[in-house]
Protein backbone atom coordinates (compact mmCIF):
# COMPACT_ATOMS: atom_id res chain seq x y z
CA MET A 1 11.83 -10.15 -16.27
CA THR A 2 14.14 -10.61 -19.26
CA LYS A 3 16.98 -13.13 -19.37
CA GLY A 4 19.47 -10.28 -18.94
CA GLU A 5 17.60 -8.96 -15.89
CA ARG A 6 17.53 -12.45 -14.37
CA THR A 7 21.27 -12.81 -14.94
CA ARG A 8 21.87 -9.42 -13.33
CA GLN A 9 19.89 -10.49 -10.26
CA ARG A 10 21.83 -13.76 -10.05
CA ILE A 11 25.09 -11.79 -10.19
CA LEU A 12 23.88 -9.48 -7.41
CA ASP A 13 22.79 -12.47 -5.29
CA ALA A 14 26.13 -14.24 -5.74
CA ALA A 15 28.14 -11.08 -5.11
CA GLU A 16 26.19 -10.25 -1.96
CA GLY A 17 26.89 -13.69 -0.54
CA LEU A 18 30.58 -13.61 -1.45
CA PHE A 19 31.14 -10.07 -0.19
CA GLY A 20 29.43 -11.08 3.06
CA GLU A 21 31.59 -14.20 3.43
CA SER A 22 34.96 -12.85 2.30
CA GLY A 23 34.74 -9.06 2.26
CA TYR A 24 35.27 -6.67 -0.61
CA ASP A 25 39.04 -7.09 -0.98
CA ASN A 26 38.96 -10.89 -0.91
CA THR A 27 36.18 -11.26 -3.48
CA SER A 28 37.07 -11.19 -7.16
CA LEU A 29 34.80 -10.89 -10.16
CA ARG A 30 36.06 -14.34 -11.14
CA ASP A 31 34.70 -15.69 -7.82
CA VAL A 32 31.33 -14.08 -8.54
CA ALA A 33 31.24 -15.43 -12.10
CA GLU A 34 32.05 -18.95 -10.88
CA ARG A 35 29.24 -18.85 -8.33
CA VAL A 36 26.77 -17.63 -10.97
CA GLY A 37 28.01 -20.16 -13.52
CA ILE A 38 29.05 -17.67 -16.19
CA LYS A 39 32.37 -16.49 -17.60
CA GLU A 40 33.93 -13.44 -15.93
CA PRO A 41 33.57 -11.15 -19.01
CA GLY A 42 29.80 -11.72 -18.79
CA ILE A 43 29.72 -9.65 -15.61
CA TYR A 44 30.88 -6.61 -17.57
CA ASN A 45 27.65 -6.75 -19.58
CA HIS A 46 25.90 -5.69 -16.37
CA PHE A 47 28.48 -3.90 -14.18
CA ARG A 48 31.39 -1.62 -15.10
CA ASN A 49 33.75 -3.07 -12.45
CA LYS A 50 33.84 -4.63 -8.98
CA GLU A 51 33.20 -1.32 -7.23
CA ALA A 52 30.07 -0.70 -9.33
CA LEU A 53 28.85 -4.22 -8.54
CA TYR A 54 29.46 -3.69 -4.82
CA ARG A 55 27.66 -0.35 -4.83
CA ASP A 56 24.66 -1.94 -6.57
CA VAL A 57 24.66 -4.79 -4.02
CA LEU A 58 24.51 -2.19 -1.24
CA THR A 59 21.86 -0.07 -2.94
CA ARG A 60 19.60 -3.05 -3.62
CA ALA A 61 19.65 -4.07 0.05
CA LEU A 62 19.96 -0.73 1.83
CA GLN A 63 17.73 1.65 -0.14
CA PRO A 64 14.59 -0.16 1.11
CA LEU A 65 16.01 0.09 4.65
CA ALA A 66 16.55 3.83 4.28
CA ASP A 67 13.03 4.16 2.84
CA VAL A 68 11.47 2.37 5.84
CA ILE A 69 13.28 4.66 8.28
CA SER A 70 12.18 7.74 6.28
CA GLU A 71 8.58 6.51 6.25
CA THR A 72 8.77 6.00 10.01
CA LEU A 73 10.10 9.53 10.53
CA ASN A 74 7.34 10.99 8.35
CA SER A 75 4.49 8.93 9.81
CA GLY A 76 3.91 10.83 13.03
CA LEU A 77 5.94 8.89 15.55
CA ASN A 78 4.14 7.01 18.26
CA GLU A 79 4.94 4.01 20.44
CA ARG A 80 3.40 1.47 18.04
CA VAL A 81 5.25 2.81 14.98
CA LEU A 82 8.52 2.72 16.92
CA GLN A 83 7.93 -0.83 18.16
CA ASP A 84 7.22 -2.00 14.60
CA LEU A 85 10.40 -0.52 13.11
CA PRO A 86 12.86 -3.30 14.14
CA GLY A 87 10.45 -5.89 12.75
CA LYS A 88 10.36 -4.11 9.41
CA ILE A 89 14.15 -3.86 9.38
CA THR A 90 14.42 -7.56 10.32
CA ASP A 91 12.12 -8.47 7.41
CA LEU A 92 14.26 -6.46 4.98
CA LEU A 93 17.52 -7.93 6.29
CA SER A 94 16.08 -11.45 6.04
CA GLU A 95 15.95 -10.86 2.27
CA HIS A 96 19.65 -9.89 2.35
CA PRO A 97 21.15 -11.86 5.27
CA ALA A 98 24.75 -11.16 4.21
CA MET A 99 24.25 -7.42 4.78
CA PRO A 100 24.78 -7.44 8.58
CA GLY A 101 28.15 -9.09 8.00
CA LEU A 102 29.06 -6.34 5.55
CA PHE A 103 28.01 -3.72 8.13
CA HIS A 104 30.23 -5.23 10.78
CA GLN A 105 33.16 -5.63 8.37
CA ALA A 106 32.89 -1.93 7.54
CA LEU A 107 32.66 -0.90 11.19
CA SER A 108 35.72 -2.92 12.17
CA GLY A 109 37.81 -2.49 9.01
CA LYS A 110 40.26 0.06 7.75
CA SER A 111 38.96 2.94 5.69
CA GLY A 112 40.26 3.61 2.23
CA ASP A 113 39.44 0.85 -0.22
CA ALA A 114 36.53 1.34 -2.59
CA GLY A 115 34.30 -1.17 -0.82
CA GLN A 116 34.90 0.37 2.58
CA VAL A 117 34.18 3.87 1.27
CA ALA A 118 30.93 2.70 -0.36
CA MET A 119 29.71 1.02 2.83
CA GLU A 120 30.75 3.97 4.99
CA ASP A 121 28.65 6.26 2.78
CA TRP A 122 25.61 4.07 3.48
CA LEU A 123 26.37 3.72 7.19
CA GLN A 124 26.64 7.50 7.58
CA ARG A 125 23.29 7.93 5.86
CA LEU A 126 21.55 5.24 7.91
CA PHE A 127 23.04 6.44 11.19
CA ALA A 128 21.98 10.02 10.42
CA GLN A 129 18.43 8.76 9.86
CA GLY A 130 18.58 6.75 13.08
CA GLU A 131 19.79 9.78 14.98
CA SER A 132 16.91 11.84 13.56
CA LEU A 133 14.52 9.14 14.71
CA TRP A 134 15.77 9.20 18.29
CA GLU A 135 15.93 13.00 18.32
CA ALA A 136 12.28 13.11 17.27
CA LEU A 137 11.46 11.11 20.40
CA SER A 138 13.69 13.08 22.76
CA VAL A 139 12.52 16.05 24.80
CA ASP A 140 15.84 17.86 24.50
CA PRO A 141 17.99 16.21 21.80
CA ALA A 142 20.73 18.86 21.94
CA SER A 143 21.52 18.04 25.56
CA ASP A 144 21.21 14.27 25.11
CA HIS A 145 23.26 13.55 21.97
CA LYS A 146 25.42 10.88 23.64
CA ARG A 147 22.40 8.98 24.96
CA ILE A 148 20.66 9.13 21.57
CA THR A 149 23.77 7.82 19.81
CA LEU A 150 24.14 4.94 22.27
CA LYS A 151 20.47 3.97 21.87
CA MET A 152 20.91 3.94 18.11
CA ILE A 153 24.02 1.73 18.38
CA MET A 154 22.21 -0.67 20.71
CA MET A 155 19.28 -1.04 18.31
CA PHE A 156 21.62 -1.48 15.33
CA ASN A 157 23.59 -4.21 17.12
CA ALA A 158 20.47 -5.99 18.35
CA VAL A 159 18.88 -6.14 14.90
CA THR A 160 21.99 -6.93 12.85
CA GLY A 161 23.59 -9.17 15.48
CA TYR A 162 20.72 -11.63 15.19
CA PHE A 163 21.74 -12.43 11.60
CA LEU A 164 25.33 -13.07 12.71
CA SER A 165 24.26 -15.64 15.30
CA GLN A 166 23.73 -18.77 13.20
CA LYS A 167 26.40 -20.70 15.13
CA ILE A 168 24.60 -19.98 18.40
CA LEU A 169 21.32 -21.25 16.94
CA ASP A 170 23.17 -24.33 15.67
CA GLN A 171 24.51 -25.01 19.19
CA ALA A 172 20.99 -24.64 20.59
CA GLN A 173 19.58 -26.79 17.75
CA MET A 174 17.10 -24.05 16.87
CA GLY A 175 17.40 -24.07 13.07
CA SER A 176 18.26 -21.15 10.82
CA VAL A 177 18.19 -17.42 11.51
CA LEU A 178 15.88 -17.32 8.47
CA ASP A 179 13.33 -19.81 9.86
CA PRO A 180 9.97 -18.00 10.05
CA GLU A 181 9.46 -19.05 13.67
CA ASN A 182 12.84 -17.65 14.73
CA LEU A 183 12.30 -14.44 12.77
CA ALA A 184 8.87 -13.96 14.39
CA ALA A 185 10.34 -14.46 17.87
CA GLN A 186 13.17 -12.01 17.12
CA LYS A 187 10.69 -9.39 15.91
CA GLN A 188 8.54 -9.81 19.02
CA LEU A 189 11.56 -9.47 21.30
CA MET A 190 12.77 -6.38 19.42
CA ALA A 191 9.37 -4.69 19.78
CA GLY A 192 9.74 -5.02 23.56
CA VAL A 193 13.33 -3.81 23.44
CA MET A 194 12.28 -0.73 21.48
CA GLN A 195 9.72 0.15 24.12
CA VAL A 196 12.43 -0.03 26.79
CA PHE A 197 14.80 2.05 24.60
CA ALA A 198 12.17 4.72 24.07
CA ASP A 199 11.48 4.97 27.80
CA ALA A 200 15.14 4.88 28.89
């Protein structure tokens, strides 16, 4: 990796954290530059503007997520594949722990600004994939659209909500959401939840 590529990755890392903490509107390129330890004009060597940076933050984290869901859909669905999916998603989100916060900001925020539009594009894509996944498991998806949608929302909240629960783990003195032991327990619980979802 060249020095420029390393700097680009550091900018993406800093921006992801700041967008997750403060949201798109409340994060400036100056904030990102300060966290990286460079001058603000240096960001423009790698990204055209804040919107381009935000879109690249989303793509870096969410394209692998979309790929995993596509692979699952194309793998010949069975109970084991379905039970493994939340664990794979948990692993990917553990590499980008600010992403669940960005999801929830987008779902509860007002539409219109560039950041919101970019995240909504990704959410629509991921939810469409999730819906296809549940439809592939349903006997009669056309007559059960509401149930499929609610299952998808429940899985989404269970997987992403874990990463938003650091304060609860602090209260229980259980360490970080990123501790390997906690991640393994979450993945095991989610495998069981997926079995219940599939049967419900």
